[in-house]
Amino acid sequence: MKHIAFSFILTALLFCSCGPHAPKSEITVEMAFEGVSNYCHSAYDWSVAKDNPSIMYVQMGEETDSAYQVVFRSYTGAFVNFYVDKTSGTTRMEEYVPTLDVRSDAGTIELFDYLEQKK
């Protein structure tokens, strides 16, 4: 009887560990780029780059064990570095103005808010 009870408890623990506490799927490099690009296209005025698209762009930067860097270049010459957490999708933004050598915190976004839902 003890073996049956122990087996039942062990089975219940295994099933419960797969529930809402299971780790989230990791953010891919494609997801990081798509989400940041969607954010930049909604938050910034790209009409200035209509005749000269090379003055504004989004590109991948460096990657660490925990984050992807995605870089947005504005027509003003400023850069916004997006640091996308690979696990949560929380994205920290840092603005850099090279002509003034000034860096400043620019807030955070949730990457999942800017990813298109796949059907």
Protein backbone atom coordinates (compact mmCIF):
# COMPACT_ATOMS: atom_id res chain seq x y z
CA MET A 1 0.00 0.00 0.00
CA LYS A 2 2.88 2.35 0.80
CA HIS A 3 4.31 1.78 -2.69
CA ILE A 4 1.02 2.73 -4.34
CA ALA A 5 0.72 5.90 -2.24
CA PHE A 6 4.35 6.83 -2.93
CA SER A 7 3.87 6.22 -6.68
CA PHE A 8 0.74 8.35 -6.67
CA ILE A 9 2.49 11.25 -4.90
CA LEU A 10 5.51 11.04 -7.20
CA THR A 11 3.29 11.02 -10.29
CA ALA A 12 1.30 14.00 -8.99
CA LEU A 13 4.51 15.95 -8.36
CA LEU A 14 5.78 15.26 -11.86
CA PHE A 15 2.54 16.45 -13.47
CA CYS A 16 2.36 19.55 -11.28
CA SER A 17 5.94 20.56 -12.12
CA CYS A 18 4.97 20.90 -15.79
CA GLY A 19 2.30 23.52 -15.10
CA PRO A 20 2.54 27.30 -15.00
CA HIS A 21 5.91 27.21 -13.24
CA ALA A 22 7.64 25.62 -16.21
CA PRO A 23 10.26 27.87 -17.81
CA LYS A 24 9.12 30.06 -20.70
CA SER A 25 10.41 29.33 -24.15
CA GLU A 26 13.50 31.30 -24.94
CA ILE A 27 13.35 34.40 -27.13
CA THR A 28 14.99 33.79 -30.51
CA VAL A 29 17.15 36.27 -32.40
CA GLU A 30 14.37 36.53 -35.00
CA MET A 31 11.81 37.39 -32.33
CA ALA A 32 14.11 40.05 -30.83
CA PHE A 33 14.68 41.69 -34.22
CA GLU A 34 11.01 41.54 -35.24
CA GLY A 35 9.70 42.95 -31.97
CA VAL A 36 12.18 45.82 -31.82
CA SER A 37 11.68 46.62 -35.51
CA ASN A 38 7.90 46.70 -35.03
CA TYR A 39 8.34 48.98 -32.01
CA CYS A 40 10.67 51.35 -33.90
CA HIS A 41 8.32 51.53 -36.88
CA SER A 42 5.43 52.44 -34.59
CA ALA A 43 7.27 54.82 -32.26
CA TYR A 44 9.44 56.81 -34.68
CA ASP A 45 8.60 58.84 -37.77
CA TRP A 46 10.17 57.04 -40.74
CA SER A 47 8.86 59.49 -43.35
CA VAL A 48 12.19 61.35 -43.15
CA ALA A 49 13.92 58.24 -44.48
CA LYS A 50 11.54 57.81 -47.41
CA ASP A 51 13.99 59.30 -49.93
CA ASN A 52 17.13 58.07 -48.16
CA PRO A 53 16.42 54.79 -46.31
CA SER A 54 20.03 54.38 -45.17
CA ILE A 55 19.72 57.21 -42.63
CA MET A 56 17.38 55.14 -40.42
CA TYR A 57 17.68 51.43 -39.75
CA VAL A 58 17.33 48.58 -37.29
CA GLN A 59 20.07 45.96 -37.07
CA MET A 60 21.29 43.26 -34.73
CA GLY A 61 24.11 44.12 -32.35
CA GLU A 62 26.08 41.96 -29.95
CA GLU A 63 24.71 38.93 -28.14
CA THR A 64 25.46 37.82 -24.59
CA ASP A 65 24.39 34.70 -22.71
CA SER A 66 21.32 36.54 -21.37
CA ALA A 67 20.42 39.21 -23.94
CA TYR A 68 20.31 40.25 -27.57
CA GLN A 69 21.24 43.77 -28.56
CA VAL A 70 19.22 45.36 -31.34
CA VAL A 71 20.32 48.80 -32.57
CA PHE A 72 18.08 51.51 -34.02
CA ARG A 73 19.73 54.44 -35.81
CA SER A 74 17.72 57.62 -36.12
CA TYR A 75 18.04 60.14 -38.93
CA THR A 76 19.45 62.52 -36.28
CA GLY A 77 22.49 60.27 -35.84
CA ALA A 78 21.40 59.07 -32.39
CA PHE A 79 21.30 55.36 -31.60
CA VAL A 80 18.89 53.50 -29.36
CA ASN A 81 20.28 50.22 -28.09
CA PHE A 82 17.63 47.66 -27.16
CA TYR A 83 18.74 44.90 -24.78
CA VAL A 84 16.24 42.02 -25.08
CA ASP A 85 16.27 39.56 -22.18
CA LYS A 86 16.36 36.09 -23.76
CA THR A 87 14.11 34.55 -21.12
CA SER A 88 11.46 37.15 -20.31
CA GLY A 89 11.38 39.41 -23.37
CA THR A 90 11.70 42.49 -21.18
CA THR A 91 13.65 45.00 -23.24
CA ARG A 92 15.77 47.77 -21.78
CA MET A 93 16.45 50.80 -23.99
CA GLU A 94 19.48 53.06 -23.87
CA GLU A 95 19.89 56.11 -26.10
CA TYR A 96 23.35 57.15 -27.26
CA VAL A 97 24.17 60.44 -28.99
CA PRO A 98 27.67 60.06 -30.45
CA THR A 99 28.20 63.74 -31.28
CA LEU A 100 27.73 64.63 -27.60
CA ASP A 101 29.04 61.31 -26.21
CA VAL A 102 25.92 61.10 -24.02
CA ARG A 103 24.18 57.91 -22.93
CA SER A 104 20.82 57.89 -21.19
CA ASP A 105 18.27 55.38 -20.01
CA ALA A 106 15.27 55.41 -22.37
CA GLY A 107 12.93 53.05 -20.50
CA THR A 108 11.71 49.52 -21.15
CA ILE A 109 9.23 47.73 -23.37
CA GLU A 110 7.76 44.24 -23.34
CA LEU A 111 8.88 42.52 -26.54
CA PHE A 112 5.73 40.37 -26.70
CA ASP A 113 3.65 43.56 -27.08
CA TYR A 114 5.34 44.13 -30.45
CA LEU A 115 5.38 40.62 -31.88
CA GLU A 116 2.69 39.74 -34.37
CA GLN A 117 0.54 36.85 -33.28
CA LYS A 118 1.10 33.80 -35.48
CA LYS A 119 -2.13 32.00 -36.34
